[in-house]
N, C-alpha and C. Protein backbone atom coordinates (compact mmCIF):
# COMPACT_ATOMS: atom_id res chain seq x y z
N UNK A 1 69.34 169.20 140.58
CA UNK A 1 68.75 168.08 141.45
C UNK A 1 67.15 167.97 141.53
N UNK A 2 66.48 167.40 141.19
CA UNK A 2 64.77 167.56 141.13
C UNK A 2 64.63 167.59 143.13
N UNK A 3 64.15 168.85 143.01
CA UNK A 3 63.51 168.57 144.47
C UNK A 3 61.79 168.54 144.55
N UNK A 4 61.00 168.08 145.65
CA UNK A 4 59.59 168.22 145.64
C UNK A 4 59.24 168.24 146.76
N UNK A 5 60.13 168.74 148.14
CA UNK A 5 60.05 168.68 149.28
C UNK A 5 59.05 169.94 149.81
N UNK A 6 58.19 169.78 150.53
CA UNK A 6 57.27 170.39 151.37
C UNK A 6 57.18 170.34 152.82
N UNK A 7 57.25 171.28 153.74
CA UNK A 7 56.94 171.04 155.01
C UNK A 7 55.70 171.21 155.26
N UNK A 8 55.04 171.67 154.29
CA UNK A 8 53.40 172.15 154.91
C UNK A 8 52.48 170.99 154.54
N UNK A 9 51.57 170.52 155.21
CA UNK A 9 50.66 169.27 155.08
C UNK A 9 49.60 170.01 154.32
N UNK A 10 49.62 168.97 153.29
CA UNK A 10 48.52 169.49 152.56
C UNK A 10 47.08 168.91 152.50
N UNK A 11 45.63 169.68 152.46
CA UNK A 11 44.72 169.20 152.83
C UNK A 11 44.19 168.09 151.86
N UNK A 12 43.68 167.13 152.25
CA UNK A 12 42.93 166.27 151.15
C UNK A 12 41.98 167.04 149.65
N UNK A 13 41.38 167.75 150.17
CA UNK A 13 40.86 168.75 148.92
C UNK A 13 41.80 169.41 147.76
N UNK A 14 42.98 169.57 147.95
CA UNK A 14 44.32 170.44 147.61
C UNK A 14 43.94 169.10 146.13
N UNK A 15 43.96 169.97 144.89
CA UNK A 15 44.23 169.08 143.61
C UNK A 15 44.93 169.35 143.06
N UNK A 16 46.50 168.31 142.75
CA UNK A 16 47.42 168.63 142.30
C UNK A 16 47.93 167.22 141.47
N UNK A 17 48.62 167.56 140.25
CA UNK A 17 49.43 166.19 140.12
C UNK A 17 50.63 165.60 140.87
N UNK A 18 50.29 164.34 140.48
CA UNK A 18 51.05 163.29 141.37
C UNK A 18 50.49 162.79 142.89
N UNK A 19 51.40 162.42 143.37
CA UNK A 19 51.02 162.14 144.87
C UNK A 19 52.11 162.30 146.04
N UNK A 20 51.40 162.08 146.95
CA UNK A 20 52.39 162.77 148.16
C UNK A 20 52.56 161.98 149.17
N UNK A 21 53.83 161.77 149.53
CA UNK A 21 54.54 160.78 150.01
C UNK A 21 54.84 161.69 151.76
N UNK A 22 54.43 161.43 152.76
CA UNK A 22 54.24 162.15 153.81
C UNK A 22 55.50 161.13 154.85
N UNK A 23 56.60 161.92 154.86
CA UNK A 23 57.55 161.26 154.99
C UNK A 23 58.40 161.46 156.56
N UNK A 24 59.15 160.86 157.39
CA UNK A 24 59.77 161.12 158.34
C UNK A 24 60.92 160.24 158.28
N UNK A 25 61.68 161.37 158.85
CA UNK A 25 63.45 161.28 158.62
C UNK A 25 63.75 159.64 160.12
N UNK A 26 64.54 158.69 159.56
CA UNK A 26 64.37 157.63 160.58
C UNK A 26 65.91 157.83 161.05
N UNK A 27 67.05 159.26 160.69
CA UNK A 27 67.92 159.26 161.09
C UNK A 27 68.41 159.71 162.43
N UNK A 28 68.72 158.54 163.21
CA UNK A 28 68.52 158.76 165.02
C UNK A 28 68.57 160.28 165.43
N UNK A 29 68.20 160.91 166.00
CA UNK A 29 68.13 162.30 166.22
C UNK A 29 67.56 163.43 165.68
N UNK A 30 66.74 163.14 164.65
CA UNK A 30 66.36 164.05 163.74
C UNK A 30 64.71 163.89 163.81
N UNK A 31 64.06 162.87 162.94
CA UNK A 31 62.44 162.91 162.99
C UNK A 31 62.19 163.85 162.48
N UNK A 32 62.55 164.30 161.48
CA UNK A 32 61.88 165.54 160.67
C UNK A 32 61.07 164.84 159.82
N UNK A 33 59.49 165.64 159.67
CA UNK A 33 58.48 165.21 159.09
C UNK A 33 58.28 166.14 157.95
N UNK A 34 58.00 165.60 156.61
CA UNK A 34 57.83 166.29 155.11
C UNK A 34 57.13 165.86 154.33
N UNK A 35 56.89 166.26 153.86
CA UNK A 35 55.58 166.02 152.13
C UNK A 35 56.95 166.10 151.06
N UNK A 36 57.15 164.76 150.36
CA UNK A 36 57.42 165.25 149.10
C UNK A 36 56.49 164.57 147.85
N UNK A 37 56.17 165.70 146.94
CA UNK A 37 55.53 165.49 146.03
C UNK A 37 55.76 164.76 144.75
N UNK A 38 55.62 163.68 144.32
CA UNK A 38 56.13 162.63 142.85
C UNK A 38 55.14 163.19 141.72
N UNK A 39 55.76 163.59 140.81
CA UNK A 39 55.16 163.58 139.46
C UNK A 39 55.34 163.24 138.51
N UNK A 40 55.40 162.83 137.55
CA UNK A 40 55.68 162.32 136.34
C UNK A 40 57.15 162.84 136.06
N UNK A 41 57.62 163.89 136.02
CA UNK A 41 58.76 164.73 136.06
C UNK A 41 60.07 164.06 137.31
N UNK A 42 59.48 164.04 138.22
CA UNK A 42 60.65 163.55 139.28
C UNK A 42 60.19 162.06 139.86
N UNK A 43 59.81 161.07 139.37
CA UNK A 43 59.66 159.89 139.54
C UNK A 43 60.88 159.19 140.02
N UNK A 44 62.15 159.86 139.51
CA UNK A 44 62.86 159.20 139.75
C UNK A 44 63.48 159.03 141.24
N UNK A 45 63.02 160.13 141.85
CA UNK A 45 63.14 159.97 143.53
C UNK A 45 62.89 159.21 144.39
N UNK A 46 62.18 158.24 143.56
CA UNK A 46 61.27 156.88 144.43
C UNK A 46 62.84 156.22 144.66
N UNK A 47 63.52 155.92 143.23
CA UNK A 47 64.24 154.90 143.28
C UNK A 47 65.50 155.54 143.78
N UNK A 48 66.32 156.94 143.60
CA UNK A 48 67.25 157.14 144.29
C UNK A 48 67.42 157.29 145.41
N UNK A 49 68.94 157.76 145.84
CA UNK A 49 69.01 158.16 147.15
C UNK A 49 68.94 159.99 147.14
N UNK A 50 68.05 159.86 148.74
CA UNK A 50 67.78 161.60 149.14
C UNK A 50 68.28 161.94 150.35
N UNK A 51 68.55 162.92 150.54
CA UNK A 51 68.91 163.44 151.89
C UNK A 51 67.85 164.25 152.52
N UNK A 52 67.59 164.24 153.97
CA UNK A 52 66.92 164.90 154.65
C UNK A 52 67.07 166.80 154.55
N UNK A 53 65.77 167.21 154.44
CA UNK A 53 65.87 168.31 154.00
C UNK A 53 66.65 169.25 155.83
N UNK A 54 66.32 168.72 156.88
CA UNK A 54 66.42 168.92 158.17
C UNK A 54 68.15 168.85 158.57
N UNK A 55 68.26 167.64 158.43
CA UNK A 55 69.57 167.10 158.76
C UNK A 55 70.86 167.21 158.16
N UNK A 56 70.30 166.83 156.39
CA UNK A 56 70.86 166.88 155.51
C UNK A 56 72.01 166.00 155.61
N UNK A 57 71.45 164.81 156.16
CA UNK A 57 72.38 163.62 155.61
C UNK A 57 71.96 162.82 154.53
N UNK A 58 72.94 162.37 153.73
CA UNK A 58 72.69 161.85 152.26
C UNK A 58 72.48 160.15 152.41
N UNK A 59 72.24 160.05 151.37
CA UNK A 59 72.14 158.39 151.40
C UNK A 59 70.78 157.86 151.75
N UNK A 60 69.82 157.96 152.18
CA UNK A 60 68.20 157.92 152.72
C UNK A 60 67.67 157.58 151.52
N UNK A 61 66.58 156.41 151.86
CA UNK A 61 65.84 155.46 150.50
C UNK A 61 64.46 155.58 151.14
N UNK A 62 63.41 156.12 150.43
CA UNK A 62 62.15 156.11 150.78
C UNK A 62 61.59 154.55 151.06
N UNK A 63 60.99 154.84 152.26
CA UNK A 63 60.40 153.26 152.30
C UNK A 63 58.89 153.43 152.97
N UNK A 64 58.10 153.03 151.45
CA UNK A 64 56.52 153.61 151.79
C UNK A 64 56.02 152.52 152.62
N UNK A 65 54.97 153.08 153.31
CA UNK A 65 54.45 152.73 154.80
C UNK A 65 53.17 152.60 154.50
N UNK A 66 52.55 152.82 153.34
CA UNK A 66 51.13 152.52 153.13
C UNK A 66 50.39 153.66 152.94
N UNK A 67 49.28 153.56 152.30
CA UNK A 67 48.15 154.55 151.58
C UNK A 67 47.31 155.03 152.94
N UNK A 68 47.68 156.33 152.80
CA UNK A 68 46.82 157.17 154.45
C UNK A 68 45.72 157.85 153.24
N UNK A 69 45.25 158.08 152.15
CA UNK A 69 44.15 158.70 151.71
C UNK A 69 44.42 158.75 150.19
N UNK A 70 43.53 159.24 149.70
CA UNK A 70 43.58 159.51 147.85
C UNK A 70 45.00 160.14 147.78
N UNK A 71 45.84 159.78 146.96
CA UNK A 71 47.37 159.96 146.52
C UNK A 71 48.04 160.59 147.63
N UNK A 72 47.73 159.81 148.88
CA UNK A 72 48.65 160.34 149.96
C UNK A 72 49.02 158.96 150.48
N UNK A 73 50.30 159.15 150.79
CA UNK A 73 51.13 157.91 151.16
C UNK A 73 51.86 157.71 152.65
N UNK A 74 52.36 157.28 153.75
CA UNK A 74 53.00 157.10 154.52
C UNK A 74 54.49 156.66 154.06
N UNK A 75 55.33 157.06 154.63
CA UNK A 75 56.48 156.77 154.28
C UNK A 75 57.66 156.87 154.88
N UNK A 76 58.83 156.30 155.03
CA UNK A 76 60.03 156.50 156.37
C UNK A 76 61.29 156.94 155.23
N UNK A 77 62.07 157.38 155.62
CA UNK A 77 63.84 157.89 154.82
C UNK A 77 64.36 157.00 156.02
N UNK A 78 64.80 156.05 155.23
CA UNK A 78 65.64 154.84 155.79
C UNK A 78 66.70 154.86 155.69
N UNK A 79 67.73 154.82 156.37
CA UNK A 79 69.67 155.01 155.64
C UNK A 79 70.16 153.49 156.35
N UNK A 80 71.12 152.97 155.32
CA UNK A 80 71.76 151.92 155.31
C UNK A 80 72.96 151.92 156.74
N UNK A 81 72.86 150.77 157.32
CA UNK A 81 74.03 151.21 158.09
C UNK A 81 75.30 150.62 156.92
N UNK A 82 76.43 151.26 157.26
CA UNK A 82 77.83 151.11 156.21
C UNK A 82 78.78 151.00 157.62
N UNK A 83 80.04 150.44 157.17
CA UNK A 83 81.02 150.07 157.96
C UNK A 83 80.55 149.29 159.07
N UNK A 84 79.52 148.54 159.50
CA UNK A 84 79.41 148.04 160.94
C UNK A 84 79.34 146.16 160.59
N UNK A 85 79.65 145.49 161.56
CA UNK A 85 79.10 144.55 161.59
C UNK A 85 80.58 143.87 160.99
N UNK A 86 80.70 141.90 161.16
CA UNK A 86 81.66 141.54 160.80
C UNK A 86 81.58 141.55 159.33
N UNK A 87 82.92 141.15 158.28
CA UNK A 87 83.11 141.06 157.41
C UNK A 87 82.79 139.36 157.17
N UNK A 88 82.26 138.68 156.09
CA UNK A 88 82.46 137.33 155.98
C UNK A 88 82.25 137.07 154.49
N UNK A 89 82.95 136.56 153.86
CA UNK A 89 82.93 135.90 152.74
C UNK A 89 81.54 134.43 152.43
N UNK A 90 80.91 134.29 151.33
CA UNK A 90 80.24 133.28 150.95
C UNK A 90 80.96 132.24 151.03
N UNK A 91 81.91 131.85 150.71
CA UNK A 91 83.06 131.04 150.51
C UNK A 91 83.34 130.11 151.30
N UNK A 92 83.05 130.68 152.71
CA UNK A 92 83.66 130.25 153.83
C UNK A 92 82.30 129.04 154.18
N UNK A 93 83.30 128.07 154.53
CA UNK A 93 81.99 127.00 155.05
C UNK A 93 82.18 126.70 156.30
N UNK A 94 81.28 127.39 157.12
CA UNK A 94 81.12 127.21 158.34
C UNK A 94 80.43 126.14 159.26
N UNK A 95 79.29 125.18 158.42
CA UNK A 95 78.65 124.46 158.80
C UNK A 95 79.31 122.93 158.05
N UNK A 96 79.84 121.98 158.40
CA UNK A 96 79.62 120.66 157.21
C UNK A 96 81.06 120.33 157.86
N UNK A 97 81.24 119.66 156.68
CA UNK A 97 82.37 118.87 156.87
C UNK A 97 83.54 119.84 156.58
N UNK A 98 84.78 119.24 157.06
CA UNK A 98 85.93 119.91 157.12
C UNK A 98 86.81 119.92 155.58
N UNK A 99 87.49 120.83 155.00
CA UNK A 99 88.15 120.77 153.87
C UNK A 99 89.13 120.29 153.79
N UNK A 100 89.58 119.35 152.96
CA UNK A 100 91.33 118.68 152.91
C UNK A 100 91.87 119.09 151.73
């Protein structure tokens, strides 16, 4: 597994390859802040599911919140709701004429 996590906030003067995503875990009760350095070698992390290094919950996706500075972005680690809400088929005709 690729790792690029650091819980140290880097200064703007630090020269390094790639960009840093300053990330906050959105898991209820966690809120852990960490830096995720993305380089050409680990760019696949942006499209893959991540786990929080603190609460260890799997299945989080990085959602960019915008640029903070040069090569520094804000991001949130969001989790999908699973098994919540009613299941509805697209074939159901809830509005319109009845079928015969």
